[in-house]
């Protein structure tokens, strides 16, 4: 969220209550609330081993591209 706020030039962000994320995640994002509440920092070993290259390996550049589209 810090990176997204930086790209949007939004100086502060309001925190969301845990119960809001637990209720909203399945309906709005169609995902498990744990994915919303607890970040996961992973890199796919299988993709790296196969030589896959991301178009935007850094989140900041990916967000800028998405928001400028």
C-alpha atoms as a PDB file:
ATOM      1  CA  UNK A   1       0.000   0.000   0.000  1.00  0.00           C
ATOM      2  CA  UNK A   2       2.902   2.332   0.682  1.00  0.00           C
ATOM      3  CA  UNK A   3       4.097   1.900  -2.905  1.00  0.00           C
ATOM      4  CA  UNK A   4       0.610   2.425  -4.319  1.00  0.00           C
ATOM      5  CA  UNK A   5       0.155   5.607  -2.279  1.00  0.00           C
ATOM      6  CA  UNK A   6       3.549   6.831  -3.501  1.00  0.00           C
ATOM      7  CA  UNK A   7       2.641   6.233  -7.158  1.00  0.00           C
ATOM      8  CA  UNK A   8      -0.732   7.939  -6.660  1.00  0.00           C
ATOM      9  CA  UNK A   9       0.983  10.804  -4.785  1.00  0.00           C
ATOM     10  CA  UNK A  10      -1.318  10.208  -1.817  1.00  0.00           C
ATOM     11  CA  UNK A  11       0.566  11.220   1.333  1.00  0.00           C
ATOM     12  CA  UNK A  12      -1.490   9.228   3.847  1.00  0.00           C
ATOM     13  CA  UNK A  13      -3.734   6.213   3.855  1.00  0.00           C
ATOM     14  CA  UNK A  14      -6.432   5.272   6.304  1.00  0.00           C
ATOM     15  CA  UNK A  15      -6.166   1.849   7.894  1.00  0.00           C
ATOM     16  CA  UNK A  16      -8.935  -0.672   7.342  1.00  0.00           C
ATOM     17  CA  UNK A  17     -10.370  -2.724  10.159  1.00  0.00           C
ATOM     18  CA  UNK A  18      -9.612  -6.446  10.019  1.00  0.00           C
ATOM     19  CA  UNK A  19     -13.300  -7.356   9.983  1.00  0.00           C
ATOM     20  CA  UNK A  20     -13.810  -5.189   6.880  1.00  0.00           C
ATOM     21  CA  UNK A  21     -11.056  -7.078   5.053  1.00  0.00           C
ATOM     22  CA  UNK A  22     -12.458 -10.448   6.167  1.00  0.00           C
ATOM     23  CA  UNK A  23     -15.909  -9.591   4.838  1.00  0.00           C
ATOM     24  CA  UNK A  24     -14.842  -7.666   1.730  1.00  0.00           C
ATOM     25  CA  UNK A  25     -12.063  -9.897   0.403  1.00  0.00           C
ATOM     26  CA  UNK A  26     -14.281 -12.784  -0.754  1.00  0.00           C
ATOM     27  CA  UNK A  27     -16.920 -10.523  -2.282  1.00  0.00           C
ATOM     28  CA  UNK A  28     -14.912  -7.659  -3.756  1.00  0.00           C
ATOM     29  CA  UNK A  29     -11.575  -9.284  -4.616  1.00  0.00           C
ATOM     30  CA  UNK A  30     -12.826 -12.885  -4.785  1.00  0.00           C
ATOM     31  CA  UNK A  31      -9.836 -14.000  -2.740  1.00  0.00           C
ATOM     32  CA  UNK A  32      -9.039 -15.500   0.625  1.00  0.00           C
ATOM     33  CA  UNK A  33      -8.994 -12.863   3.390  1.00  0.00           C
ATOM     34  CA  UNK A  34      -5.605 -14.188   4.543  1.00  0.00           C
ATOM     35  CA  UNK A  35      -4.090 -12.963   1.268  1.00  0.00           C
ATOM     36  CA  UNK A  36      -5.407  -9.482   1.970  1.00  0.00           C
ATOM     37  CA  UNK A  37      -4.417  -9.424   5.637  1.00  0.00           C
ATOM     38  CA  UNK A  38      -1.020 -11.094   5.510  1.00  0.00           C
ATOM     39  CA  UNK A  39       1.333 -10.161   2.682  1.00  0.00           C
ATOM     40  CA  UNK A  40       3.277 -12.830   0.868  1.00  0.00           C
ATOM     41  CA  UNK A  41       6.706 -12.099  -0.532  1.00  0.00           C
ATOM     42  CA  UNK A  42       7.466 -14.897  -2.960  1.00  0.00           C
ATOM     43  CA  UNK A  43       9.431 -15.429  -6.124  1.00  0.00           C
ATOM     44  CA  UNK A  44       8.556 -18.319  -8.385  1.00  0.00           C
ATOM     45  CA  UNK A  45      11.571 -20.606  -8.628  1.00  0.00           C
ATOM     46  CA  UNK A  46       9.982 -22.482 -11.524  1.00  0.00           C
ATOM     47  CA  UNK A  47       9.570 -19.303 -13.581  1.00  0.00           C
ATOM     48  CA  UNK A  48      13.097 -18.142 -12.778  1.00  0.00           C
ATOM     49  CA  UNK A  49      14.552 -21.547 -13.682  1.00  0.00           C
ATOM     50  CA  UNK A  50      12.750 -21.517 -17.031  1.00  0.00           C
ATOM     51  CA  UNK A  51      14.185 -18.093 -17.896  1.00  0.00           C
ATOM     52  CA  UNK A  52      10.923 -16.145 -17.605  1.00  0.00           C
ATOM     53  CA  UNK A  53      11.431 -12.370 -17.500  1.00  0.00           C
ATOM     54  CA  UNK A  54       8.804 -10.071 -16.055  1.00  0.00           C
ATOM     55  CA  UNK A  55       7.886  -7.032 -18.104  1.00  0.00           C
ATOM     56  CA  UNK A  56       7.846  -5.036 -14.850  1.00  0.00           C
ATOM     57  CA  UNK A  57      10.016  -6.741 -12.232  1.00  0.00           C
ATOM     58  CA  UNK A  58       9.454  -3.897  -9.736  1.00  0.00           C
ATOM     59  CA  UNK A  59       6.039  -3.030  -8.303  1.00  0.00           C
ATOM     60  CA  UNK A  60       6.441   0.729  -8.756  1.00  0.00           C
ATOM     61  CA  UNK A  61       6.879   0.472 -12.526  1.00  0.00           C
ATOM     62  CA  UNK A  62       4.001  -2.031 -12.829  1.00  0.00           C
ATOM     63  CA  UNK A  63       1.654   0.274 -10.926  1.00  0.00           C
ATOM     64  CA  UNK A  64       2.690   3.297 -12.992  1.00  0.00           C
ATOM     65  CA  UNK A  65       1.933   1.349 -16.170  1.00  0.00           C
ATOM     66  CA  UNK A  66      -1.457   0.174 -14.860  1.00  0.00           C
ATOM     67  CA  UNK A  67      -2.491   3.607 -13.665  1.00  0.00           C
ATOM     68  CA  UNK A  68      -1.433   5.338 -16.900  1.00  0.00           C
ATOM     69  CA  UNK A  69      -3.370   2.918 -19.111  1.00  0.00           C
END
